[in-house]
Amino acid sequence: MTTHEKLIALLEQHQARYQLMSHEATGKCEAVAAIRGTAIGQGAKALVCHVKGNGVKQHVLAVLPADQQADLARVAEAVGGRRASLASPAEVDMLTGCVFGAIPPFSFHPDLRLVVDPLLFERFSEIAFNAGLLDRSVVLNTEDYRRLCNANVVKIIQ
C-alpha cells in the first residue's frame, strides 16, 4: 500500500471527519493553503529529522503549524537526543514513501517517531496537509487527528 492509501484507510477505519481534495501539485505551504482555501497556520508541516546524541540515534517526524519554524534543538530534546538535522531525501523516501512537501502528519514506519507541537491542536478546528502525494490534500478535524496520531506532544517551535 502507498502512504496515501494507508492514510485514507486509517481515516476511514476510525471514522475520522475529513475531506479529500485533488489539486495542482505543489509543495509550498502558502500556495497549497490558497488552493485548499485554508489558513497557512492550519497546515500541518511534517519534517523528517535525524536525531543523535546521548546514546540516541533516531528518526523523528516533527509536526507543527505550517506558519511556524521548527526548533531542531527542541526536536532533539523531545526524544532525549542532543542535536537534530533534517533527513536526506533518501531517508525521507525510505521512512515515509513520500517526497518533501507530500508527507502527512502520521508515521506509518516503526522507526519514525512522531512528535507534534501542541500549537497545532490549539488554533483551528481543522488541520490540512498533503496526503502522501503533492496533488492530494486532506482537511481533517483536529480532534480526530489528536485521537489518531498517537504522538508525543511537545513544544518544538521557535
C-alpha atoms as a PDB file:
ATOM      1  CA  MET A   1       0.000   0.000   0.000  1.00  0.00           C
ATOM      2  CA  THR A   2       1.149   3.529  -0.708  1.00  0.00           C
ATOM      3  CA  THR A   3       1.339   6.125   2.065  1.00  0.00           C
ATOM      4  CA  HIS A   4      -1.733   7.803   0.560  1.00  0.00           C
ATOM      5  CA  GLU A   5      -3.668   4.508   0.690  1.00  0.00           C
ATOM      6  CA  LYS A   6      -2.553   3.809   4.282  1.00  0.00           C
ATOM      7  CA  LEU A   7      -3.644   7.305   5.334  1.00  0.00           C
ATOM      8  CA  ILE A   8      -7.106   7.079   3.769  1.00  0.00           C
ATOM      9  CA  ALA A   9      -7.573   3.560   5.196  1.00  0.00           C
ATOM     10  CA  LEU A  10      -6.663   4.829   8.698  1.00  0.00           C
ATOM     11  CA  LEU A  11      -9.095   7.758   8.444  1.00  0.00           C
ATOM     12  CA  GLU A  12     -11.892   5.535   7.124  1.00  0.00           C
ATOM     13  CA  GLN A  13     -11.292   2.757   9.670  1.00  0.00           C
ATOM     14  CA  HIS A  14     -11.589   5.222  12.558  1.00  0.00           C
ATOM     15  CA  GLN A  15     -14.459   7.212  11.044  1.00  0.00           C
ATOM     16  CA  ALA A  16     -12.471  10.454  11.036  1.00  0.00           C
ATOM     17  CA  ARG A  17     -14.168  13.607   9.869  1.00  0.00           C
ATOM     18  CA  TYR A  18     -12.169  14.657   6.805  1.00  0.00           C
ATOM     19  CA  GLN A  19     -12.344  15.923   3.267  1.00  0.00           C
ATOM     20  CA  LEU A  20     -10.030  14.672   0.490  1.00  0.00           C
ATOM     21  CA  MET A  21      -9.092  17.223  -2.163  1.00  0.00           C
ATOM     22  CA  SER A  22      -7.354  16.871  -5.524  1.00  0.00           C
ATOM     23  CA  HIS A  23      -5.407  19.905  -6.739  1.00  0.00           C
ATOM     24  CA  GLU A  24      -2.399  21.134  -8.659  1.00  0.00           C
ATOM     25  CA  ALA A  25       0.832  19.584  -7.366  1.00  0.00           C
ATOM     26  CA  THR A  26       2.702  21.990  -5.107  1.00  0.00           C
ATOM     27  CA  GLY A  27       4.878  21.539  -2.042  1.00  0.00           C
ATOM     28  CA  LYS A  28       4.786  25.159  -0.894  1.00  0.00           C
ATOM     29  CA  CYS A  29       2.738  25.879   2.239  1.00  0.00           C
ATOM     30  CA  GLU A  30       1.400  29.242   1.067  1.00  0.00           C
ATOM     31  CA  ALA A  31       0.422  28.027  -2.400  1.00  0.00           C
ATOM     32  CA  VAL A  32      -1.333  24.878  -1.238  1.00  0.00           C
ATOM     33  CA  ALA A  33      -3.177  26.758   1.540  1.00  0.00           C
ATOM     34  CA  ALA A  34      -4.565  29.137  -1.083  1.00  0.00           C
ATOM     35  CA  ILE A  35      -5.654  26.195  -3.251  1.00  0.00           C
ATOM     36  CA  ARG A  36      -7.300  24.452  -0.267  1.00  0.00           C
ATOM     37  CA  GLY A  37      -8.962  27.654   0.963  1.00  0.00           C
ATOM     38  CA  THR A  38      -7.359  27.246   4.405  1.00  0.00           C
ATOM     39  CA  ALA A  39      -5.156  29.460   6.565  1.00  0.00           C
ATOM     40  CA  ILE A  40      -1.417  28.778   6.386  1.00  0.00           C
ATOM     41  CA  GLY A  41      -1.447  28.052  10.147  1.00  0.00           C
ATOM     42  CA  GLN A  42      -3.958  25.230   9.600  1.00  0.00           C
ATOM     43  CA  GLY A  43      -1.349  23.385   7.605  1.00  0.00           C
ATOM     44  CA  ALA A  44       0.378  20.514   9.412  1.00  0.00           C
ATOM     45  CA  LYS A  45       4.009  20.740   8.302  1.00  0.00           C
ATOM     46  CA  ALA A  46       5.773  17.381   8.700  1.00  0.00           C
ATOM     47  CA  LEU A  47       9.583  17.339   8.851  1.00  0.00           C
ATOM     48  CA  VAL A  48      11.633  14.148   8.940  1.00  0.00           C
ATOM     49  CA  CYS A  49      14.561  14.730  11.305  1.00  0.00           C
ATOM     50  CA  HIS A  50      17.593  12.677  12.241  1.00  0.00           C
ATOM     51  CA  VAL A  51      18.326  12.918  15.999  1.00  0.00           C
ATOM     52  CA  LYS A  52      21.667  11.970  17.594  1.00  0.00           C
ATOM     53  CA  GLY A  53      23.483  12.305  20.912  1.00  0.00           C
ATOM     54  CA  ASN A  54      23.098  10.948  24.456  1.00  0.00           C
ATOM     55  CA  GLY A  55      23.155   7.453  23.012  1.00  0.00           C
ATOM     56  CA  VAL A  56      20.153   8.284  20.814  1.00  0.00           C
ATOM     57  CA  LYS A  57      20.130   7.667  17.083  1.00  0.00           C
ATOM     58  CA  GLN A  58      16.591   8.021  15.855  1.00  0.00           C
ATOM     59  CA  HIS A  59      14.383   9.470  13.144  1.00  0.00           C
ATOM     60  CA  VAL A  60      11.577  11.778  14.182  1.00  0.00           C
ATOM     61  CA  LEU A  61       8.586  13.089  12.250  1.00  0.00           C
ATOM     62  CA  ALA A  62       8.219  16.599  13.694  1.00  0.00           C
ATOM     63  CA  VAL A  63       4.768  18.065  13.016  1.00  0.00           C
ATOM     64  CA  LEU A  64       3.966  21.746  13.540  1.00  0.00           C
ATOM     65  CA  PRO A  65       1.765  24.506  12.127  1.00  0.00           C
ATOM     66  CA  ALA A  66       2.955  25.494   8.644  1.00  0.00           C
ATOM     67  CA  ASP A  67       3.288  29.165   9.631  1.00  0.00           C
ATOM     68  CA  GLN A  68       5.890  28.294  12.311  1.00  0.00           C
ATOM     69  CA  GLN A  69       9.538  27.225  12.256  1.00  0.00           C
ATOM     70  CA  ALA A  70      10.813  24.086  13.974  1.00  0.00           C
ATOM     71  CA  ASP A  71      13.444  24.438  16.693  1.00  0.00           C
ATOM     72  CA  LEU A  72      15.654  21.440  15.924  1.00  0.00           C
ATOM     73  CA  ALA A  73      17.237  21.550  19.398  1.00  0.00           C
ATOM     74  CA  ARG A  74      13.755  21.092  20.898  1.00  0.00           C
ATOM     75  CA  VAL A  75      13.032  18.263  18.474  1.00  0.00           C
ATOM     76  CA  ALA A  76      16.201  16.509  19.685  1.00  0.00           C
ATOM     77  CA  GLU A  77      15.326  17.134  23.345  1.00  0.00           C
ATOM     78  CA  ALA A  78      11.819  15.707  22.821  1.00  0.00           C
ATOM     79  CA  VAL A  79      13.305  12.237  22.252  1.00  0.00           C
ATOM     80  CA  GLY A  80      16.308  12.538  24.561  1.00  0.00           C
ATOM     81  CA  GLY A  81      18.883  13.465  21.922  1.00  0.00           C
ATOM     82  CA  ARG A  82      21.357  16.339  21.697  1.00  0.00           C
ATOM     83  CA  ARG A  83      21.056  17.527  18.107  1.00  0.00           C
ATOM     84  CA  ALA A  84      18.705  17.146  15.162  1.00  0.00           C
ATOM     85  CA  SER A  85      19.039  17.774  11.462  1.00  0.00           C
ATOM     86  CA  LEU A  86      16.686  17.386   8.545  1.00  0.00           C
ATOM     87  CA  ALA A  87      16.840  13.938   6.981  1.00  0.00           C
ATOM     88  CA  SER A  88      18.139  13.426   3.469  1.00  0.00           C
ATOM     89  CA  PRO A  89      15.707  12.932   0.568  1.00  0.00           C
ATOM     90  CA  ALA A  90      16.679   9.216   0.511  1.00  0.00           C
ATOM     91  CA  GLU A  91      15.886   8.864   4.253  1.00  0.00           C
ATOM     92  CA  VAL A  92      12.592  10.718   3.778  1.00  0.00           C
ATOM     93  CA  ASP A  93      11.607   8.372   0.955  1.00  0.00           C
ATOM     94  CA  MET A  94      12.640   5.271   2.927  1.00  0.00           C
ATOM     95  CA  LEU A  95      10.747   6.311   6.098  1.00  0.00           C
ATOM     96  CA  THR A  96       7.644   7.903   4.570  1.00  0.00           C
ATOM     97  CA  GLY A  97       7.367   6.759   0.958  1.00  0.00           C
ATOM     98  CA  CYS A  98       6.850  10.439   0.111  1.00  0.00           C
ATOM     99  CA  VAL A  99       8.740  13.349  -1.402  1.00  0.00           C
ATOM    100  CA  PHE A 100       9.348  16.577   0.543  1.00  0.00           C
ATOM    101  CA  GLY A 101       6.100  18.537   0.734  1.00  0.00           C
ATOM    102  CA  ALA A 102       3.835  15.480   0.463  1.00  0.00           C
ATOM    103  CA  ILE A 103       4.467  13.962   3.912  1.00  0.00           C
ATOM    104  CA  PRO A 104       1.294  13.556   6.001  1.00  0.00           C
ATOM    105  CA  PRO A 105       1.476  14.149   9.788  1.00  0.00           C
ATOM    106  CA  PHE A 106       1.235  10.417  10.560  1.00  0.00           C
ATOM    107  CA  SER A 107       4.007   7.859  10.867  1.00  0.00           C
ATOM    108  CA  PHE A 108       3.473   4.514   9.174  1.00  0.00           C
ATOM    109  CA  HIS A 109       7.058   3.349   9.785  1.00  0.00           C
ATOM    110  CA  PRO A 110       8.172   1.732  13.080  1.00  0.00           C
ATOM    111  CA  ASP A 111      11.499   3.640  13.035  1.00  0.00           C
ATOM    112  CA  LEU A 112       9.870   7.066  12.627  1.00  0.00           C
ATOM    113  CA  ARG A 113       8.746   8.533  15.964  1.00  0.00           C
ATOM    114  CA  LEU A 114       6.000  11.164  15.830  1.00  0.00           C
ATOM    115  CA  VAL A 115       6.353  14.424  17.782  1.00  0.00           C
ATOM    116  CA  VAL A 116       3.668  17.125  17.454  1.00  0.00           C
ATOM    117  CA  ASP A 117       3.788  20.712  18.685  1.00  0.00           C
ATOM    118  CA  PRO A 118       0.729  21.475  20.874  1.00  0.00           C
ATOM    119  CA  LEU A 119       0.011  24.699  18.948  1.00  0.00           C
ATOM    120  CA  LEU A 120      -1.290  22.542  16.097  1.00  0.00           C
ATOM    121  CA  PHE A 121      -4.220  21.487  18.324  1.00  0.00           C
ATOM    122  CA  GLU A 122      -4.998  24.922  19.744  1.00  0.00           C
ATOM    123  CA  ARG A 123      -5.869  27.334  16.938  1.00  0.00           C
ATOM    124  CA  PHE A 124      -8.127  25.653  14.392  1.00  0.00           C
ATOM    125  CA  SER A 125     -10.913  23.068  14.431  1.00  0.00           C
ATOM    126  CA  GLU A 126      -9.452  21.511  11.279  1.00  0.00           C
ATOM    127  CA  ILE A 127      -5.909  20.921  10.062  1.00  0.00           C
ATOM    128  CA  ALA A 128      -4.827  20.480   6.447  1.00  0.00           C
ATOM    129  CA  PHE A 129      -1.964  18.537   4.927  1.00  0.00           C
ATOM    130  CA  ASN A 130      -0.767  16.787   1.812  1.00  0.00           C
ATOM    131  CA  ALA A 131      -1.968  13.212   1.773  1.00  0.00           C
ATOM    132  CA  GLY A 132       1.211  11.420   0.715  1.00  0.00           C
ATOM    133  CA  LEU A 133       1.030  12.985  -2.743  1.00  0.00           C
ATOM    134  CA  LEU A 134       1.729  16.548  -3.884  1.00  0.00           C
ATOM    135  CA  ASP A 135      -1.632  16.716  -5.693  1.00  0.00           C
ATOM    136  CA  ARG A 136      -3.866  15.402  -2.860  1.00  0.00           C
ATOM    137  CA  SER A 137      -4.716  17.067   0.433  1.00  0.00           C
ATOM    138  CA  VAL A 138      -6.762  16.170   3.467  1.00  0.00           C
ATOM    139  CA  VAL A 139      -8.613  18.629   5.666  1.00  0.00           C
ATOM    140  CA  LEU A 140      -9.084  16.746   8.949  1.00  0.00           C
ATOM    141  CA  ASN A 141     -10.934  17.501  12.162  1.00  0.00           C
ATOM    142  CA  THR A 142      -8.251  18.482  14.691  1.00  0.00           C
ATOM    143  CA  GLU A 143      -9.662  16.355  17.500  1.00  0.00           C
ATOM    144  CA  ASP A 144      -9.760  13.342  15.195  1.00  0.00           C
ATOM    145  CA  TYR A 145      -6.100  13.962  14.368  1.00  0.00           C
ATOM    146  CA  ARG A 146      -5.222  14.159  18.064  1.00  0.00           C
ATOM    147  CA  ARG A 147      -7.110  10.897  18.677  1.00  0.00           C
ATOM    148  CA  LEU A 148      -5.492   9.021  15.779  1.00  0.00           C
ATOM    149  CA  CYS A 149      -1.923  10.304  15.626  1.00  0.00           C
ATOM    150  CA  ASN A 150      -0.682   8.743  18.899  1.00  0.00           C
ATOM    151  CA  ALA A 151       2.047  11.385  19.118  1.00  0.00           C
ATOM    152  CA  ASN A 152       4.385  12.682  21.756  1.00  0.00           C
ATOM    153  CA  VAL A 153       3.046  16.265  22.171  1.00  0.00           C
ATOM    154  CA  VAL A 154       5.967  18.605  22.948  1.00  0.00           C
ATOM    155  CA  LYS A 155       6.757  22.247  22.158  1.00  0.00           C
ATOM    156  CA  ILE A 156       9.102  22.110  19.154  1.00  0.00           C
ATOM    157  CA  ILE A 157       8.618  25.531  17.538  1.00  0.00           C
ATOM    158  CA  GLN A 158      10.909  28.520  17.905  1.00  0.00           C
END
